[in-house]
C-alpha atoms as a PDB file:
ATOM      1  CA  MET A   1     102.418  12.976 112.737  1.00  0.00           C
ATOM      2  CA  HIS A   2     101.246  11.268 109.700  1.00  0.00           C
ATOM      3  CA  ALA A   3     103.325  12.756 106.857  1.00  0.00           C
ATOM      4  CA  LEU A   4     106.605  14.593 106.517  1.00  0.00           C
ATOM      5  CA  LEU A   5     108.165  16.582 103.771  1.00  0.00           C
ATOM      6  CA  VAL A   6     111.932  16.697 103.845  1.00  0.00           C
ATOM      7  CA  HIS A   7     113.890  19.311 101.871  1.00  0.00           C
ATOM      8  CA  GLY A   8     117.531  18.224 101.370  1.00  0.00           C
ATOM      9  CA  SER A   9     118.318  16.889 104.530  1.00  0.00           C
ATOM     10  CA  ASN A  10     119.725  13.336 105.174  1.00  0.00           C
ATOM     11  CA  VAL A  11     118.223  12.797 108.569  1.00  0.00           C
ATOM     12  CA  VAL A  12     118.860   8.964 108.831  1.00  0.00           C
ATOM     13  CA  VAL A  13     122.503   9.805 108.670  1.00  0.00           C
ATOM     14  CA  SER A  14     122.971  13.239 110.373  1.00  0.00           C
ATOM     15  CA  ALA A  15     120.415  13.103 113.218  1.00  0.00           C
ATOM     16  CA  PRO A  16     121.051  11.849 116.690  1.00  0.00           C
ATOM     17  CA  ASP A  17     119.809   8.527 117.703  1.00  0.00           C
ATOM     18  CA  ALA A  18     119.763   7.556 114.038  1.00  0.00           C
ATOM     19  CA  ASP A  19     118.191   4.154 114.119  1.00  0.00           C
ATOM     20  CA  SER A  20     115.301   5.452 116.108  1.00  0.00           C
ATOM     21  CA  VAL A  21     114.945   8.375 113.293  1.00  0.00           C
ATOM     22  CA  ALA A  22     114.774   5.587 110.619  1.00  0.00           C
ATOM     23  CA  GLN A  23     112.207   3.603 112.670  1.00  0.00           C
ATOM     24  CA  ARG A  24     109.744   6.478 113.188  1.00  0.00           C
ATOM     25  CA  LEU A  25     110.200   7.460 109.477  1.00  0.00           C
ATOM     26  CA  GLY A  26     109.036   4.029 108.748  1.00  0.00           C
ATOM     27  CA  ARG A  27     105.696   4.458 110.434  1.00  0.00           C
ATOM     28  CA  LEU A  28     104.643   7.345 108.722  1.00  0.00           C
ATOM     29  CA  GLN A  29     101.831   7.297 106.365  1.00  0.00           C
ATOM     30  CA  LEU A  30     103.540   9.325 103.902  1.00  0.00           C
ATOM     31  CA  LEU A  31     107.263  10.424 103.668  1.00  0.00           C
ATOM     32  CA  VAL A  32     108.173  12.918 100.652  1.00  0.00           C
ATOM     33  CA  VAL A  33     111.767  13.825 100.261  1.00  0.00           C
ATOM     34  CA  CYS A  34     112.998  16.601  97.964  1.00  0.00           C
ATOM     35  CA  ASP A  35     116.741  16.346  96.840  1.00  0.00           C
ATOM     36  CA  PHE A  36     119.083  15.738  93.690  1.00  0.00           C
ATOM     37  CA  PHE A  37     120.734  12.736  95.136  1.00  0.00           C
ATOM     38  CA  LEU A  38     118.872   9.599  96.109  1.00  0.00           C
ATOM     39  CA  SER A  39     120.354   9.928  99.659  1.00  0.00           C
ATOM     40  CA  GLU A  40     119.839   7.291 102.585  1.00  0.00           C
ATOM     41  CA  THR A  41     116.823   9.278 103.741  1.00  0.00           C
ATOM     42  CA  ALA A  42     115.189   9.457 100.045  1.00  0.00           C
ATOM     43  CA  GLN A  43     115.585   5.669  99.788  1.00  0.00           C
ATOM     44  CA  LEU A  44     112.961   5.318 102.509  1.00  0.00           C
ATOM     45  CA  ALA A  45     110.647   7.685 100.758  1.00  0.00           C
ATOM     46  CA  ASP A  46     107.222   7.081  99.463  1.00  0.00           C
ATOM     47  CA  VAL A  47     107.858   9.823  96.829  1.00  0.00           C
ATOM     48  CA  VAL A  48     111.060  11.404  95.890  1.00  0.00           C
ATOM     49  CA  LEU A  49     110.977  14.883  94.220  1.00  0.00           C
ATOM     50  CA  PRO A  50     114.002  15.663  92.135  1.00  0.00           C
ATOM     51  CA  VAL A  51     114.757  19.388  92.771  1.00  0.00           C
ATOM     52  CA  THR A  52     117.274  21.588  91.480  1.00  0.00           C
ATOM     53  CA  GLN A  53     120.431  22.445  93.096  1.00  0.00           C
ATOM     54  CA  TRP A  54     122.584  25.687  93.980  1.00  0.00           C
ATOM     55  CA  ALA A  55     124.206  25.960  90.386  1.00  0.00           C
ATOM     56  CA  GLU A  56     120.793  25.143  88.648  1.00  0.00           C
ATOM     57  CA  GLU A  57     118.806  28.138  90.163  1.00  0.00           C
ATOM     58  CA  GLU A  58     118.927  31.865  90.855  1.00  0.00           C
ATOM     59  CA  GLY A  59     118.986  33.049  94.656  1.00  0.00           C
ATOM     60  CA  THR A  60     121.300  33.982  97.388  1.00  0.00           C
ATOM     61  CA  MET A  61     123.281  32.577 100.315  1.00  0.00           C
ATOM     62  CA  THR A  62     124.284  33.955 103.507  1.00  0.00           C
ATOM     63  CA  SER A  63     127.640  32.690 104.625  1.00  0.00           C
ATOM     64  CA  LEU A  64     129.092  31.918 108.121  1.00  0.00           C
ATOM     65  CA  GLU A  65     130.730  35.321 108.349  1.00  0.00           C
ATOM     66  CA  GLY A  66     127.125  36.803 107.707  1.00  0.00           C
ATOM     67  CA  ARG A  67     128.166  37.965 104.162  1.00  0.00           C
ATOM     68  CA  VAL A  68     125.033  37.793 101.860  1.00  0.00           C
ATOM     69  CA  LEU A  69     126.026  36.364  98.457  1.00  0.00           C
ATOM     70  CA  ARG A  70     124.112  36.452  95.143  1.00  0.00           C
ATOM     71  CA  ARG A  71     123.831  33.130  93.488  1.00  0.00           C
ATOM     72  CA  ARG A  72     123.385  33.242  89.594  1.00  0.00           C
ATOM     73  CA  ARG A  73     122.353  30.083  87.715  1.00  0.00           C
ATOM     74  CA  ALA A  74     125.288  28.460  86.070  1.00  0.00           C
ATOM     75  CA  LEU A  75     123.920  25.334  84.541  1.00  0.00           C
ATOM     76  CA  ALA A  76     120.435  24.195  83.022  1.00  0.00           C
ATOM     77  CA  ALA A  77     118.605  21.744  85.430  1.00  0.00           C
ATOM     78  CA  PRO A  78     117.893  18.135  84.242  1.00  0.00           C
ATOM     79  CA  ALA A  79     114.676  17.467  82.659  1.00  0.00           C
ATOM     80  CA  GLY A  80     111.851  16.912  85.294  1.00  0.00           C
ATOM     81  CA  ALA A  81     113.816  18.588  88.058  1.00  0.00           C
ATOM     82  CA  ARG A  82     111.922  21.528  89.618  1.00  0.00           C
ATOM     83  CA  SER A  83     112.563  24.385  92.182  1.00  0.00           C
ATOM     84  CA  GLU A  84     111.610  23.815  95.716  1.00  0.00           C
ATOM     85  CA  LEU A  85     109.741  27.132  95.314  1.00  0.00           C
ATOM     86  CA  TRP A  86     107.781  25.495  92.485  1.00  0.00           C
ATOM     87  CA  ILE A  87     107.130  22.535  94.787  1.00  0.00           C
ATOM     88  CA  MET A  88     105.646  24.974  97.614  1.00  0.00           C
ATOM     89  CA  SER A  89     103.607  26.951  95.177  1.00  0.00           C
ATOM     90  CA  GLU A  90     102.120  23.886  93.429  1.00  0.00           C
ATOM     91  CA  LEU A  91     101.559  22.201  96.794  1.00  0.00           C
ATOM     92  CA  ALA A  92      99.767  25.428  98.017  1.00  0.00           C
ATOM     93  CA  ARG A  93      97.634  25.433  95.022  1.00  0.00           C
ATOM     94  CA  ARG A  94      96.697  22.063  95.354  1.00  0.00           C
ATOM     95  CA  VAL A  95      95.510  22.377  99.005  1.00  0.00           C
ATOM     96  CA  ASP A  96      93.881  25.786  98.382  1.00  0.00           C
ATOM     97  CA  ALA A  97      95.895  27.538 100.571  1.00  0.00           C
ATOM     98  CA  PRO A  98      95.589  31.361 100.832  1.00  0.00           C
ATOM     99  CA  GLY A  99      98.313  33.818  99.782  1.00  0.00           C
ATOM    100  CA  THR A 100     100.509  34.486  96.987  1.00  0.00           C
ATOM    101  CA  TRP A 101     103.136  31.804  96.398  1.00  0.00           C
ATOM    102  CA  SER A 102     105.650  33.237  94.001  1.00  0.00           C
ATOM    103  CA  THR A 103     108.291  31.076  92.038  1.00  0.00           C
ATOM    104  CA  ASP A 104     110.486  33.855  91.203  1.00  0.00           C
ATOM    105  CA  PRO A 105     113.695  33.795  93.689  1.00  0.00           C
ATOM    106  CA  ALA A 106     113.789  37.705  93.764  1.00  0.00           C
ATOM    107  CA  GLU A 107     110.175  38.137  94.641  1.00  0.00           C
ATOM    108  CA  VAL A 108     110.591  35.819  97.467  1.00  0.00           C
ATOM    109  CA  PHE A 109     113.758  37.638  98.877  1.00  0.00           C
ATOM    110  CA  ASP A 110     112.077  40.925  98.394  1.00  0.00           C
ATOM    111  CA  GLU A 111     109.190  39.176 100.970  1.00  0.00           C
ATOM    112  CA  LEU A 112     112.021  38.005 103.325  1.00  0.00           C
ATOM    113  CA  ALA A 113     113.376  41.403 103.295  1.00  0.00           C
ATOM    114  CA  LEU A 114     109.921  42.963 104.170  1.00  0.00           C
ATOM    115  CA  ALA A 115     109.213  40.147 106.744  1.00  0.00           C
ATOM    116  CA  SER A 116     112.418  40.455 108.344  1.00  0.00           C
ATOM    117  CA  GLU A 117     112.604  44.315 108.900  1.00  0.00           C
ATOM    118  CA  GLY A 118     113.067  45.174 112.657  1.00  0.00           C
ATOM    119  CA  GLY A 119     113.895  41.702 113.721  1.00  0.00           C
ATOM    120  CA  PRO A 120     117.418  40.487 114.844  1.00  0.00           C
ATOM    121  CA  ALA A 121     117.580  38.762 111.324  1.00  0.00           C
ATOM    122  CA  ASP A 122     117.057  42.115 109.310  1.00  0.00           C
ATOM    123  CA  TYR A 123     117.278  41.853 105.384  1.00  0.00           C
ATOM    124  CA  SER A 124     115.216  44.592 104.678  1.00  0.00           C
ATOM    125  CA  GLY A 125     117.715  46.926 103.073  1.00  0.00           C
ATOM    126  CA  LEU A 126     118.616  44.270 100.548  1.00  0.00           C
ATOM    127  CA  SER A 127     117.272  42.943  97.146  1.00  0.00           C
ATOM    128  CA  HIS A 128     118.558  40.924  94.112  1.00  0.00           C
ATOM    129  CA  GLU A 129     118.811  44.126  92.412  1.00  0.00           C
ATOM    130  CA  LEU A 130     121.078  45.732  94.879  1.00  0.00           C
ATOM    131  CA  LEU A 131     123.049  42.585  95.360  1.00  0.00           C
ATOM    132  CA  ASP A 132     123.661  42.528  91.636  1.00  0.00           C
ATOM    133  CA  THR A 133     125.749  45.800  91.803  1.00  0.00           C
ATOM    134  CA  GLY A 134     128.426  43.851  93.627  1.00  0.00           C
ATOM    135  CA  LEU A 135     127.824  45.227  96.984  1.00  0.00           C
ATOM    136  CA  THR A 136     129.559  43.997  99.892  1.00  0.00           C
ATOM    137  CA  ALA A 137     126.595  43.132 102.105  1.00  0.00           C
ATOM    138  CA  HIS A 138     126.813  41.618 105.668  1.00  0.00           C
ATOM    139  CA  TRP A 139     123.763  40.591 107.628  1.00  0.00           C
ATOM    140  CA  PRO A 140     121.962  42.101 109.455  1.00  0.00           C
ATOM    141  CA  PHE A 141     121.107  44.790 106.781  1.00  0.00           C
ATOM    142  CA  PRO A 142     118.511  47.113 108.010  1.00  0.00           C
ATOM    143  CA  ARG A 143     116.777  49.650 105.339  1.00  0.00           C
ATOM    144  CA  GLY A 144     119.087  52.714 104.981  1.00  0.00           C
ATOM    145  CA  SER A 145     121.937  51.027 106.474  1.00  0.00           C
ATOM    146  CA  ARG A 146     125.306  49.728 105.229  1.00  0.00           C
ATOM    147  CA  GLY A 147     125.113  46.411 106.762  1.00  0.00           C
ATOM    148  CA  THR A 148     126.687  44.830 109.760  1.00  0.00           C
ATOM    149  CA  PRO A 149     130.511  43.753 108.639  1.00  0.00           C
ATOM    150  CA  ARG A 150     131.266  42.872 112.221  1.00  0.00           C
ATOM    151  CA  LEU A 151     128.470  41.724 114.461  1.00  0.00           C
ATOM    152  CA  PHE A 152     128.748  42.810 118.245  1.00  0.00           C
ATOM    153  CA  GLU A 153     131.826  44.885 117.435  1.00  0.00           C
ATOM    154  CA  GLU A 154     130.422  47.880 119.170  1.00  0.00           C
ATOM    155  CA  ARG A 155     127.688  46.488 121.431  1.00  0.00           C
ATOM    156  CA  PHE A 156     125.964  43.032 122.209  1.00  0.00           C
ATOM    157  CA  ALA A 157     121.972  42.570 121.650  1.00  0.00           C
ATOM    158  CA  HIS A 158     121.188  43.696 125.093  1.00  0.00           C
ATOM    159  CA  ASP A 159     119.389  46.811 126.142  1.00  0.00           C
ATOM    160  CA  ASP A 160     122.556  47.971 127.949  1.00  0.00           C
ATOM    161  CA  GLY A 161     124.898  46.803 125.053  1.00  0.00           C
ATOM    162  CA  ARG A 162     126.891  44.400 127.579  1.00  0.00           C
ATOM    163  CA  ALA A 163     127.731  40.793 126.779  1.00  0.00           C
ATOM    164  CA  ARG A 164     126.198  38.207 129.448  1.00  0.00           C
ATOM    165  CA  LEU A 165     128.531  35.445 130.510  1.00  0.00           C
ATOM    166  CA  VAL A 166     126.330  32.607 131.780  1.00  0.00           C
ATOM    167  CA  VAL A 167     127.606  29.680 133.787  1.00  0.00           C
ATOM    168  CA  VAL A 168     126.000  26.373 132.703  1.00  0.00           C
ATOM    169  CA  HIS A 169     125.564  23.264 134.712  1.00  0.00           C
ATOM    170  CA  PRO A 170     124.599  20.037 133.301  1.00  0.00           C
ATOM    171  CA  ARG A 171     120.955  19.052 134.297  1.00  0.00           C
ATOM    172  CA  ARG A 172     121.196  15.555 134.437  1.00  0.00           C
ATOM    173  CA  GLU A 173     123.793  12.622 135.120  1.00  0.00           C
ATOM    174  CA  ARG A 174     125.340  10.562 132.230  1.00  0.00           C
ATOM    175  CA  SER A 175     122.828   7.953 131.222  1.00  0.00           C
ATOM    176  CA  GLU A 176     125.455   5.177 130.253  1.00  0.00           C
ATOM    177  CA  PRO A 177     127.170   2.797 132.748  1.00  0.00           C
ATOM    178  CA  SER A 178     130.630   3.688 133.584  1.00  0.00           C
ATOM    179  CA  GLY A 179     133.360   1.257 132.847  1.00  0.00           C
ATOM    180  CA  ALA A 180     137.255   1.090 132.430  1.00  0.00           C
ATOM    181  CA  ALA A 181     136.637   1.133 128.675  1.00  0.00           C
ATOM    182  CA  ASP A 182     134.397   3.885 128.503  1.00  0.00           C
ATOM    183  CA  LEU A 183     134.946   7.147 126.592  1.00  0.00           C
ATOM    184  CA  THR A 184     133.227  10.100 125.818  1.00  0.00           C
ATOM    185  CA  LEU A 185     132.288  10.203 121.870  1.00  0.00           C
ATOM    186  CA  ILE A 186     132.945  13.397 119.856  1.00  0.00           C
ATOM    187  CA  THR A 187     131.478  13.532 116.676  1.00  0.00           C
ATOM    188  CA  GLY A 188     132.588  16.006 113.553  1.00  0.00           C
ATOM    189  CA  ARG A 189     133.801  16.517 110.257  1.00  0.00           C
ATOM    190  CA  LEU A 190     136.752  15.245 107.994  1.00  0.00           C
ATOM    191  CA  LEU A 191     138.444  17.384 105.384  1.00  0.00           C
ATOM    192  CA  GLU A 192     137.355  15.295 102.614  1.00  0.00           C
ATOM    193  CA  HIS A 193     133.564  14.796 103.224  1.00  0.00           C
ATOM    194  CA  TYR A 194     130.724  17.099 103.989  1.00  0.00           C
ATOM    195  CA  GLN A 195     127.849  16.859 106.029  1.00  0.00           C
ATOM    196  CA  SER A 196     125.980  13.189 105.423  1.00  0.00           C
ATOM    197  CA  GLY A 197     128.394  12.571 102.807  1.00  0.00           C
ATOM    198  CA  ALA A 198     125.569  12.157 100.375  1.00  0.00           C
ATOM    199  CA  GLN A 199     127.526  14.181  97.759  1.00  0.00           C
ATOM    200  CA  THR A 200     131.163  13.751  98.752  1.00  0.00           C
ATOM    201  CA  ARG A 201     130.985  10.079  98.884  1.00  0.00           C
ATOM    202  CA  ARG A 202     130.086  10.073  95.176  1.00  0.00           C
ATOM    203  CA  VAL A 203     133.168  11.820  94.290  1.00  0.00           C
ATOM    204  CA  PRO A 204     135.820   8.945  93.498  1.00  0.00           C
ATOM    205  CA  GLU A 205     138.673  11.061  94.584  1.00  0.00           C
ATOM    206  CA  LEU A 206     137.147  12.109  97.794  1.00  0.00           C
ATOM    207  CA  LEU A 207     136.076   8.582  98.643  1.00  0.00           C
ATOM    208  CA  ALA A 208     139.364   7.204  97.958  1.00  0.00           C
ATOM    209  CA  ALA A 209     141.017   9.674 100.332  1.00  0.00           C
ATOM    210  CA  ARG A 210     138.593   8.490 103.126  1.00  0.00           C
ATOM    211  CA  PRO A 211     137.009   5.248 101.970  1.00  0.00           C
ATOM    212  CA  GLU A 212     136.095   3.951 105.402  1.00  0.00           C
ATOM    213  CA  LEU A 213     135.034   5.181 109.235  1.00  0.00           C
ATOM    214  CA  THR A 214     137.868   5.719 111.263  1.00  0.00           C
ATOM    215  CA  ALA A 215     137.949   6.423 115.066  1.00  0.00           C
ATOM    216  CA  GLN A 216     140.552   8.643 116.420  1.00  0.00           C
ATOM    217  CA  LEU A 217     141.960   7.412 119.743  1.00  0.00           C
ATOM    218  CA  HIS A 218     145.049   9.130 121.905  1.00  0.00           C
ATOM    219  CA  PRO A 219     148.237   6.733 122.033  1.00  0.00           C
ATOM    220  CA  ALA A 220     147.605   6.282 125.872  1.00  0.00           C
ATOM    221  CA  THR A 221     144.196   5.265 125.535  1.00  0.00           C
ATOM    222  CA  ALA A 222     145.012   3.093 122.779  1.00  0.00           C
ATOM    223  CA  VAL A 223     147.700   1.143 124.702  1.00  0.00           C
ATOM    224  CA  ARG A 224     145.236   0.817 127.623  1.00  0.00           C
ATOM    225  CA  LEU A 225     142.663  -0.770 125.472  1.00  0.00           C
ATOM    226  CA  GLY A 226     145.072  -3.105 123.712  1.00  0.00           C
ATOM    227  CA  VAL A 227     144.587  -1.344 120.315  1.00  0.00           C
ATOM    228  CA  SER A 228     147.068  -0.431 117.721  1.00  0.00           C
ATOM    229  CA  ASP A 229     146.894   2.099 114.558  1.00  0.00           C
ATOM    230  CA  GLY A 230     144.713   0.306 111.895  1.00  0.00           C
ATOM    231  CA  ASP A 231     143.055  -2.211 114.257  1.00  0.00           C
ATOM    232  CA  PRO A 232     139.265  -2.737 113.964  1.00  0.00           C
ATOM    233  CA  ILE A 233     137.531  -1.574 116.880  1.00  0.00           C
ATOM    234  CA  GLU A 234     133.630  -1.486 118.052  1.00  0.00           C
ATOM    235  CA  LEU A 235     132.181   1.349 119.971  1.00  0.00           C
ATOM    236  CA  ARG A 236     129.076   0.273 121.767  1.00  0.00           C
ATOM    237  CA  ASN A 237     126.167   1.687 124.066  1.00  0.00           C
ATOM    238  CA  THR A 238     122.759   1.007 124.785  1.00  0.00           C
ATOM    239  CA  ARG A 239     121.762   2.596 121.382  1.00  0.00           C
ATOM    240  CA  GLY A 240     123.818   0.715 119.092  1.00  0.00           C
ATOM    241  CA  ALA A 241     127.122  -0.316 117.939  1.00  0.00           C
ATOM    242  CA  VAL A 242     129.520   0.894 115.301  1.00  0.00           C
ATOM    243  CA  ARG A 243     132.715  -0.751 113.902  1.00  0.00           C
ATOM    244  CA  ALA A 244     135.384   1.550 112.664  1.00  0.00           C
ATOM    245  CA  ARG A 245     139.461   1.202 112.061  1.00  0.00           C
ATOM    246  CA  ALA A 246     141.409   2.932 114.853  1.00  0.00           C
ATOM    247  CA  GLU A 247     143.321   5.950 114.033  1.00  0.00           C
ATOM    248  CA  VAL A 248     145.792   6.738 116.800  1.00  0.00           C
ATOM    249  CA  THR A 249     146.832  10.383 117.305  1.00  0.00           C
ATOM    250  CA  ALA A 250     148.180  12.623 119.776  1.00  0.00           C
ATOM    251  CA  GLY A 251     145.733  15.230 118.657  1.00  0.00           C
ATOM    252  CA  ILE A 252     142.787  14.237 120.730  1.00  0.00           C
ATOM    253  CA  ARG A 253     142.299  14.113 124.478  1.00  0.00           C
ATOM    254  CA  HIS A 254     142.976  10.702 126.033  1.00  0.00           C
ATOM    255  CA  ASP A 255     139.327  10.450 127.581  1.00  0.00           C
ATOM    256  CA  THR A 256     137.764  10.900 124.251  1.00  0.00           C
ATOM    257  CA  VAL A 257     137.250   9.087 121.001  1.00  0.00           C
ATOM    258  CA  PHE A 258     136.344  10.868 117.701  1.00  0.00           C
ATOM    259  CA  LEU A 259     134.084   9.750 114.934  1.00  0.00           C
ATOM    260  CA  PRO A 260     133.128  11.533 111.630  1.00  0.00           C
ATOM    261  CA  PHE A 261     129.594  11.523 110.840  1.00  0.00           C
ATOM    262  CA  HIS A 262     129.905  11.134 107.110  1.00  0.00           C
ATOM    263  CA  TYR A 263     129.081   7.533 106.577  1.00  0.00           C
ATOM    264  CA  PRO A 264     125.806   5.706 106.024  1.00  0.00           C
ATOM    265  CA  GLY A 265     124.552   2.181 107.059  1.00  0.00           C
ATOM    266  CA  ASP A 266     126.247   0.579 109.961  1.00  0.00           C
ATOM    267  CA  ALA A 267     129.025   3.276 110.064  1.00  0.00           C
ATOM    268  CA  ARG A 268     126.586   5.895 110.960  1.00  0.00           C
ATOM    269  CA  ALA A 269     128.462   7.640 114.051  1.00  0.00           C
ATOM    270  CA  ASN A 270     124.375   8.912 115.003  1.00  0.00           C
ATOM    271  CA  LEU A 271     123.530   5.166 115.592  1.00  0.00           C
ATOM    272  CA  LEU A 272     125.284   6.124 119.204  1.00  0.00           C
ATOM    273  CA  THR A 273     124.266   9.711 119.799  1.00  0.00           C
ATOM    274  CA  GLU A 274     121.526  10.431 121.964  1.00  0.00           C
ATOM    275  CA  GLY A 275     118.325  12.254 120.925  1.00  0.00           C
ATOM    276  CA  VAL A 276     118.480  14.586 123.834  1.00  0.00           C
ATOM    277  CA  THR A 277     118.576  18.655 122.836  1.00  0.00           C
ATOM    278  CA  ASP A 278     119.505  21.904 124.476  1.00  0.00           C
ATOM    279  CA  PRO A 279     116.053  23.246 125.855  1.00  0.00           C
ATOM    280  CA  ILE A 280     116.951  26.783 124.551  1.00  0.00           C
ATOM    281  CA  SER A 281     118.830  26.292 121.356  1.00  0.00           C
ATOM    282  CA  ALA A 282     117.271  22.962 120.281  1.00  0.00           C
ATOM    283  CA  MET A 283     120.850  21.735 119.199  1.00  0.00           C
ATOM    284  CA  PRO A 284     121.343  18.060 119.797  1.00  0.00           C
ATOM    285  CA  GLU A 285     124.002  16.855 122.488  1.00  0.00           C
ATOM    286  CA  PHE A 286     126.539  15.510 120.061  1.00  0.00           C
ATOM    287  CA  LYS A 287     129.590  16.090 122.544  1.00  0.00           C
ATOM    288  CA  ARG A 288     128.550  14.127 125.784  1.00  0.00           C
ATOM    289  CA  THR A 289     127.789  10.700 124.476  1.00  0.00           C
ATOM    290  CA  ARG A 290     129.175   7.697 126.427  1.00  0.00           C
ATOM    291  CA  VAL A 291     130.590   4.608 124.481  1.00  0.00           C
ATOM    292  CA  SER A 292     132.641   1.686 125.630  1.00  0.00           C
ATOM    293  CA  VAL A 293     135.319   0.975 123.015  1.00  0.00           C
ATOM    294  CA  HIS A 294     136.877  -2.502 122.514  1.00  0.00           C
ATOM    295  CA  ALA A 295     139.340  -4.204 119.983  1.00  0.00           C
ATOM    296  CA  ALA A 296     137.087  -6.174 117.329  1.00  0.00           C
ATOM    297  CA  SER A 297     137.697  -8.959 115.597  1.00  0.00           C
ATOM    298  CA  ASP A 298     139.691  -8.664 112.244  1.00  0.00           C
ATOM    299  CA  THR A 299     136.958  -8.506 109.768  1.00  0.00           C
ATOM    300  CA  PRO A 300     136.598  -5.854 107.122  1.00  0.00           C
ATOM    301  CA  VAL A 301     135.238  -2.509 108.276  1.00  0.00           C
ATOM    302  CA  VAL A 302     132.129  -1.318 106.578  1.00  0.00           C
ATOM    303  CA  GLU A 303     133.168   0.583 103.506  1.00  0.00           C
ATOM    304  CA  THR A 304     130.871   2.532 101.277  1.00  0.00           C
ATOM    305  CA  ALA A 305     130.748   2.349  97.417  1.00  0.00           C
ATOM    306  CA  VAL A 306     131.106   5.097  94.708  1.00  0.00           C
ATOM    307  CA  SER A 307     127.502   5.774  93.163  1.00  0.00           C
ATOM    308  CA  ARG A 308     127.632   5.833  89.636  1.00  0.00           C
END
């Protein structure tokens, strides 16, 4: 791979084995990032294309409950920012790609509806015009239907309509050595931050609420490791090391440690996670990482600054 076009994704913070990801991005001949903030990934790019965000463009969103929501432009975009549809269309024109590349979100949605008809992700019964009527629409929404308010309420997606319960066995042993200080690292979210934190770490109130990386430990585990609430600790494995502030809580298992994945630089939880994916879903294996946890010297834990 010689070139990569990244759209609104901060992979050097959010991807597993993040240090390896950053190194591989550095070996590209061309890295182009489309975003509306200068994220940590955008800082590595050869070219950054400023794009419109959700409040500055028309379109739709499909929520986690399957509701298809009509988005309407609320703000004018800053001068120089372009939609990603424009970028794709212009790229297609410049490389002389065949086909029609509309920049009208309604036309693109109509194409999605046509292309998805008959498949499991069927939007064929929807359009911007229909959504503009205030229709409550849940995906899948085949042509002529009323949508699917509750997926799998009556049958599952198998010929006989029955669910399949599958026993899963790990295919490999843990790759990290075992020791008295070893725990299973669980990564996840905080209430105050979102995804890689590229947006929420720029909000002073949210950053003030959670200014630094904390690692949750069970009280019994903290006692065993000689760690008290608020102490600096280090989590380490063969991929890297992360420093955090201990947060002792009974709301976690005694054999695990929890890190949020919202922080950049040396506070990236994904410096520790492994670049292994499920063979079917292709999801990273974020919940099986082994780390050793130790008390660290009382030096400041990495904090993030508010970007103005």
